[in-house]
Amino acid sequence: MTSSPFQRTIALPAPVCEQAAQHLEQAAHRSIDGAAVPLKAFRAAADTDFVLPASVVEQAAACLLVLATETAQSVRPSALRATISVALRLRDAVELSHQPALSSRFW
């Protein structure tokens, strides 16, 4: 029997996708490794009702955290908070996607 690997997807709110795309563009301009793939996916997210593979969302979160680290000394604190906030929202969405939908506590 063959089986195809299950790819988790995450539906994100449009504003989060738009913010992530903006920050990922900055990451791509700074040549942060791995930023190009999630940038392309987040730019096209509106075409898929903002549903993205969990692996892409996780990669985007990591790229944004690297961007925050690299720019921490050169950007305004509010810009740094915005980048970190989006990265943490993405990371939290990935973590939620790994949790089971139903709990077995009700037996």
N, C-alpha and C. Protein backbone atom coordinates (compact mmCIF):
# COMPACT_ATOMS: atom_id res chain seq x y z
N MET A 1 0.84 -1.16 0.00
CA MET A 1 0.00 0.00 0.00
C MET A 1 0.90 1.24 0.00
N THR A 2 0.55 2.18 -0.84
CA THR A 2 1.31 3.42 -0.87
C THR A 2 0.47 4.53 -0.27
N SER A 3 1.14 5.47 0.30
CA SER A 3 0.42 6.61 0.86
C SER A 3 1.17 7.88 0.52
N SER A 4 0.43 8.92 0.30
CA SER A 4 1.06 10.20 0.03
C SER A 4 1.26 10.92 1.36
N PRO A 5 2.33 11.65 1.47
CA PRO A 5 2.55 12.36 2.73
C PRO A 5 1.49 13.45 2.91
N PHE A 6 1.02 13.55 4.13
CA PHE A 6 0.01 14.55 4.45
C PHE A 6 0.70 15.88 4.68
N GLN A 7 0.27 16.90 3.95
CA GLN A 7 0.84 18.22 4.13
C GLN A 7 -0.16 19.11 4.84
N ARG A 8 0.20 19.52 6.04
CA ARG A 8 -0.65 20.41 6.82
C ARG A 8 -0.71 21.77 6.16
N THR A 9 -1.88 22.36 6.22
CA THR A 9 -2.02 23.73 5.74
C THR A 9 -2.58 24.60 6.86
N ILE A 10 -2.33 25.87 6.74
CA ILE A 10 -2.77 26.82 7.74
C ILE A 10 -3.48 27.96 7.03
N ALA A 11 -4.67 28.29 7.50
CA ALA A 11 -5.38 29.45 6.99
C ALA A 11 -5.06 30.63 7.91
N LEU A 12 -4.52 31.67 7.32
CA LEU A 12 -4.13 32.85 8.08
C LEU A 12 -5.02 34.03 7.73
N PRO A 13 -5.21 34.94 8.66
CA PRO A 13 -5.96 36.16 8.33
C PRO A 13 -5.21 36.98 7.27
N ALA A 14 -5.95 37.63 6.41
CA ALA A 14 -5.35 38.42 5.33
C ALA A 14 -4.35 39.46 5.85
N PRO A 15 -4.67 40.20 6.93
CA PRO A 15 -3.70 41.20 7.38
C PRO A 15 -2.36 40.59 7.82
N VAL A 16 -2.41 39.41 8.42
CA VAL A 16 -1.17 38.75 8.84
C VAL A 16 -0.36 38.36 7.61
N CYS A 17 -1.03 37.85 6.58
CA CYS A 17 -0.32 37.48 5.34
C CYS A 17 0.30 38.69 4.69
N GLU A 18 -0.44 39.79 4.66
CA GLU A 18 0.08 41.01 4.03
C GLU A 18 1.28 41.56 4.80
N GLN A 19 1.19 41.55 6.13
CA GLN A 19 2.31 42.02 6.94
C GLN A 19 3.52 41.10 6.77
N ALA A 20 3.26 39.79 6.76
CA ALA A 20 4.36 38.84 6.59
C ALA A 20 5.04 39.06 5.24
N ALA A 21 4.26 39.28 4.19
CA ALA A 21 4.84 39.51 2.87
C ALA A 21 5.72 40.76 2.86
N GLN A 22 5.28 41.81 3.54
CA GLN A 22 6.08 43.03 3.60
C GLN A 22 7.41 42.78 4.31
N HIS A 23 7.36 42.08 5.44
CA HIS A 23 8.58 41.81 6.18
C HIS A 23 9.47 40.81 5.43
N LEU A 24 8.86 39.84 4.77
CA LEU A 24 9.65 38.88 4.00
C LEU A 24 10.34 39.56 2.83
N GLU A 25 9.72 40.58 2.27
CA GLU A 25 10.38 41.33 1.21
C GLU A 25 11.65 42.00 1.73
N GLN A 26 11.56 42.55 2.93
CA GLN A 26 12.75 43.13 3.56
C GLN A 26 13.82 42.06 3.77
N ALA A 27 13.39 40.88 4.22
CA ALA A 27 14.33 39.78 4.44
C ALA A 27 15.00 39.37 3.13
N ALA A 28 14.22 39.31 2.06
CA ALA A 28 14.78 38.94 0.76
C ALA A 28 15.79 39.99 0.29
N HIS A 29 15.48 41.26 0.52
CA HIS A 29 16.41 42.32 0.13
C HIS A 29 17.71 42.25 0.92
N ARG A 30 17.63 41.74 2.15
CA ARG A 30 18.83 41.58 2.96
C ARG A 30 19.49 40.22 2.71
N SER A 31 18.99 39.48 1.75
CA SER A 31 19.54 38.18 1.37
C SER A 31 19.55 37.18 2.51
N ILE A 32 18.49 37.17 3.29
CA ILE A 32 18.37 36.18 4.36
C ILE A 32 18.00 34.84 3.73
N ASP A 33 18.79 33.83 4.06
CA ASP A 33 18.58 32.49 3.48
C ASP A 33 17.16 32.01 3.72
N GLY A 34 16.55 31.50 2.67
CA GLY A 34 15.24 30.90 2.77
C GLY A 34 14.07 31.86 2.69
N ALA A 35 14.30 33.14 2.48
CA ALA A 35 13.20 34.10 2.45
C ALA A 35 12.44 34.09 1.13
N ALA A 36 13.05 33.67 0.06
CA ALA A 36 12.41 33.75 -1.26
C ALA A 36 11.19 32.85 -1.39
N VAL A 37 11.26 31.63 -0.89
CA VAL A 37 10.14 30.69 -1.02
C VAL A 37 8.90 31.18 -0.26
N PRO A 38 9.03 31.52 1.03
CA PRO A 38 7.83 32.01 1.71
C PRO A 38 7.35 33.36 1.16
N LEU A 39 8.26 34.20 0.69
CA LEU A 39 7.84 35.47 0.10
C LEU A 39 6.93 35.24 -1.09
N LYS A 40 7.33 34.34 -1.96
CA LYS A 40 6.51 34.02 -3.13
C LYS A 40 5.16 33.46 -2.70
N ALA A 41 5.16 32.57 -1.71
CA ALA A 41 3.91 31.96 -1.24
C ALA A 41 2.99 32.99 -0.59
N PHE A 42 3.55 33.88 0.21
CA PHE A 42 2.73 34.88 0.88
C PHE A 42 2.20 35.91 -0.11
N ARG A 43 2.96 36.21 -1.14
CA ARG A 43 2.47 37.13 -2.18
C ARG A 43 1.27 36.53 -2.91
N ALA A 44 1.29 35.22 -3.10
CA ALA A 44 0.22 34.53 -3.83
C ALA A 44 -0.89 34.04 -2.90
N ALA A 45 -0.80 34.32 -1.62
CA ALA A 45 -1.75 33.77 -0.65
C ALA A 45 -3.19 34.18 -0.91
N ALA A 46 -3.41 35.36 -1.43
CA ALA A 46 -4.78 35.81 -1.71
C ALA A 46 -5.46 34.90 -2.73
N ASP A 47 -4.67 34.32 -3.63
CA ASP A 47 -5.22 33.41 -4.63
C ASP A 47 -5.68 32.09 -4.04
N THR A 48 -5.20 31.76 -2.86
CA THR A 48 -5.55 30.49 -2.21
C THR A 48 -6.32 30.72 -0.93
N ASP A 49 -7.00 31.85 -0.82
CA ASP A 49 -7.77 32.20 0.39
C ASP A 49 -6.90 32.19 1.64
N PHE A 50 -5.63 32.57 1.47
CA PHE A 50 -4.69 32.70 2.57
C PHE A 50 -4.43 31.38 3.28
N VAL A 51 -4.45 30.29 2.52
CA VAL A 51 -4.12 28.97 3.04
C VAL A 51 -2.73 28.62 2.53
N LEU A 52 -1.83 28.35 3.46
CA LEU A 52 -0.44 28.08 3.13
C LEU A 52 0.02 26.78 3.78
N PRO A 53 0.98 26.10 3.19
CA PRO A 53 1.55 24.92 3.84
C PRO A 53 2.22 25.31 5.16
N ALA A 54 2.04 24.49 6.16
CA ALA A 54 2.62 24.78 7.48
C ALA A 54 4.13 24.95 7.39
N SER A 55 4.78 24.18 6.53
CA SER A 55 6.24 24.28 6.42
C SER A 55 6.66 25.65 5.90
N VAL A 56 5.87 26.24 5.01
CA VAL A 56 6.18 27.57 4.48
C VAL A 56 5.97 28.62 5.55
N VAL A 57 4.91 28.48 6.34
CA VAL A 57 4.64 29.42 7.42
C VAL A 57 5.76 29.34 8.46
N GLU A 58 6.19 28.13 8.75
CA GLU A 58 7.28 27.94 9.72
C GLU A 58 8.58 28.56 9.20
N GLN A 59 8.86 28.38 7.92
CA GLN A 59 10.05 28.96 7.31
C GLN A 59 9.98 30.49 7.32
N ALA A 60 8.80 31.02 7.07
CA ALA A 60 8.62 32.48 7.10
C ALA A 60 8.88 33.02 8.50
N ALA A 61 8.36 32.34 9.51
CA ALA A 61 8.58 32.78 10.89
C ALA A 61 10.06 32.81 11.22
N ALA A 62 10.77 31.79 10.82
CA ALA A 62 12.21 31.72 11.08
C ALA A 62 12.95 32.85 10.37
N CYS A 63 12.59 33.11 9.13
CA CYS A 63 13.23 34.20 8.37
C CYS A 63 12.98 35.55 9.03
N LEU A 64 11.77 35.76 9.52
CA LEU A 64 11.45 37.04 10.16
C LEU A 64 12.19 37.21 11.48
N LEU A 65 12.39 36.11 12.20
CA LEU A 65 13.17 36.20 13.44
C LEU A 65 14.63 36.51 13.13
N VAL A 66 15.15 35.95 12.05
CA VAL A 66 16.52 36.28 11.63
C VAL A 66 16.58 37.75 11.22
N LEU A 67 15.58 38.22 10.47
CA LEU A 67 15.53 39.62 10.08
C LEU A 67 15.52 40.52 11.31
N ALA A 68 14.72 40.18 12.30
CA ALA A 68 14.66 40.97 13.54
C ALA A 68 16.02 41.01 14.23
N THR A 69 16.69 39.89 14.26
CA THR A 69 18.00 39.82 14.90
C THR A 69 19.02 40.69 14.15
N GLU A 70 18.99 40.60 12.83
CA GLU A 70 19.97 41.33 12.03
C GLU A 70 19.72 42.84 12.02
N THR A 71 18.48 43.25 12.23
CA THR A 71 18.17 44.68 12.15
C THR A 71 17.91 45.32 13.51
N ALA A 72 18.08 44.58 14.57
CA ALA A 72 17.73 45.06 15.91
C ALA A 72 18.42 46.37 16.27
N GLN A 73 19.64 46.55 15.84
CA GLN A 73 20.39 47.75 16.20
C GLN A 73 20.18 48.92 15.24
N SER A 74 19.51 48.66 14.11
CA SER A 74 19.43 49.70 13.08
C SER A 74 18.02 50.19 12.76
N VAL A 75 17.00 49.61 13.38
CA VAL A 75 15.63 50.04 13.09
C VAL A 75 14.99 50.60 14.36
N ARG A 76 13.90 51.31 14.15
CA ARG A 76 13.14 51.84 15.29
C ARG A 76 12.58 50.68 16.11
N PRO A 77 12.44 50.87 17.40
CA PRO A 77 11.86 49.81 18.25
C PRO A 77 10.47 49.37 17.77
N SER A 78 9.67 50.31 17.27
CA SER A 78 8.33 49.93 16.80
C SER A 78 8.40 49.03 15.57
N ALA A 79 9.36 49.27 14.70
CA ALA A 79 9.53 48.42 13.52
C ALA A 79 10.02 47.03 13.92
N LEU A 80 10.90 47.00 14.90
CA LEU A 80 11.39 45.72 15.41
C LEU A 80 10.27 44.93 16.05
N ARG A 81 9.44 45.60 16.86
CA ARG A 81 8.30 44.93 17.48
C ARG A 81 7.33 44.40 16.43
N ALA A 82 7.11 45.15 15.38
CA ALA A 82 6.20 44.72 14.32
C ALA A 82 6.70 43.44 13.65
N THR A 83 7.99 43.41 13.36
CA THR A 83 8.57 42.21 12.73
C THR A 83 8.46 41.00 13.65
N ILE A 84 8.82 41.20 14.90
CA ILE A 84 8.76 40.10 15.87
C ILE A 84 7.33 39.64 16.09
N SER A 85 6.41 40.58 16.13
CA SER A 85 4.99 40.24 16.33
C SER A 85 4.47 39.34 15.22
N VAL A 86 4.78 39.69 13.99
CA VAL A 86 4.33 38.86 12.86
C VAL A 86 5.00 37.49 12.92
N ALA A 87 6.29 37.46 13.22
CA ALA A 87 7.00 36.18 13.31
C ALA A 87 6.37 35.29 14.38
N LEU A 88 6.03 35.86 15.52
CA LEU A 88 5.43 35.07 16.59
C LEU A 88 4.02 34.61 16.24
N ARG A 89 3.26 35.43 15.53
CA ARG A 89 1.93 35.00 15.08
C ARG A 89 2.04 33.80 14.14
N LEU A 90 3.01 33.86 13.24
CA LEU A 90 3.21 32.74 12.32
C LEU A 90 3.64 31.48 13.08
N ARG A 91 4.58 31.66 14.00
CA ARG A 91 5.05 30.51 14.78
C ARG A 91 3.92 29.90 15.60
N ASP A 92 3.10 30.75 16.21
CA ASP A 92 1.96 30.26 17.00
C ASP A 92 0.97 29.50 16.11
N ALA A 93 0.75 29.98 14.90
CA ALA A 93 -0.17 29.29 13.98
C ALA A 93 0.36 27.90 13.63
N VAL A 94 1.66 27.80 13.45
CA VAL A 94 2.26 26.49 13.15
C VAL A 94 2.10 25.57 14.35
N GLU A 95 2.37 26.07 15.54
CA GLU A 95 2.23 25.24 16.74
C GLU A 95 0.80 24.77 16.93
N LEU A 96 -0.16 25.64 16.67
CA LEU A 96 -1.57 25.25 16.78
C LEU A 96 -1.93 24.17 15.76
N SER A 97 -1.31 24.23 14.60
CA SER A 97 -1.63 23.23 13.57
C SER A 97 -1.12 21.85 13.94
N HIS A 98 -0.17 21.79 14.85
CA HIS A 98 0.38 20.49 15.28
C HIS A 98 -0.42 19.87 16.42
N GLN A 99 -1.32 20.64 17.02
CA GLN A 99 -2.12 20.11 18.12
C GLN A 99 -3.33 19.36 17.57
N PRO A 100 -3.72 18.28 18.23
CA PRO A 100 -4.90 17.55 17.75
C PRO A 100 -6.16 18.41 17.89
N ALA A 101 -7.07 18.20 16.97
CA ALA A 101 -8.31 18.99 16.96
C ALA A 101 -9.20 18.63 18.14
N LEU A 102 -9.23 17.36 18.51
CA LEU A 102 -10.07 16.90 19.61
C LEU A 102 -9.21 16.32 20.71
N SER A 103 -9.64 16.51 21.90
CA SER A 103 -8.92 15.96 23.03
C SER A 103 -9.57 14.63 23.44
N SER A 104 -8.77 13.72 23.95
CA SER A 104 -9.31 12.43 24.41
C SER A 104 -9.66 12.49 25.90
N ARG A 105 -9.72 13.68 26.47
CA ARG A 105 -10.01 13.84 27.89
C ARG A 105 -11.47 13.54 28.21
N PHE A 106 -12.35 13.43 27.24
CA PHE A 106 -13.77 13.30 27.49
C PHE A 106 -14.25 11.85 27.53
N TRP A 107 -13.44 10.95 27.93
CA TRP A 107 -13.88 9.56 28.03
C TRP A 107 -14.18 9.31 29.43
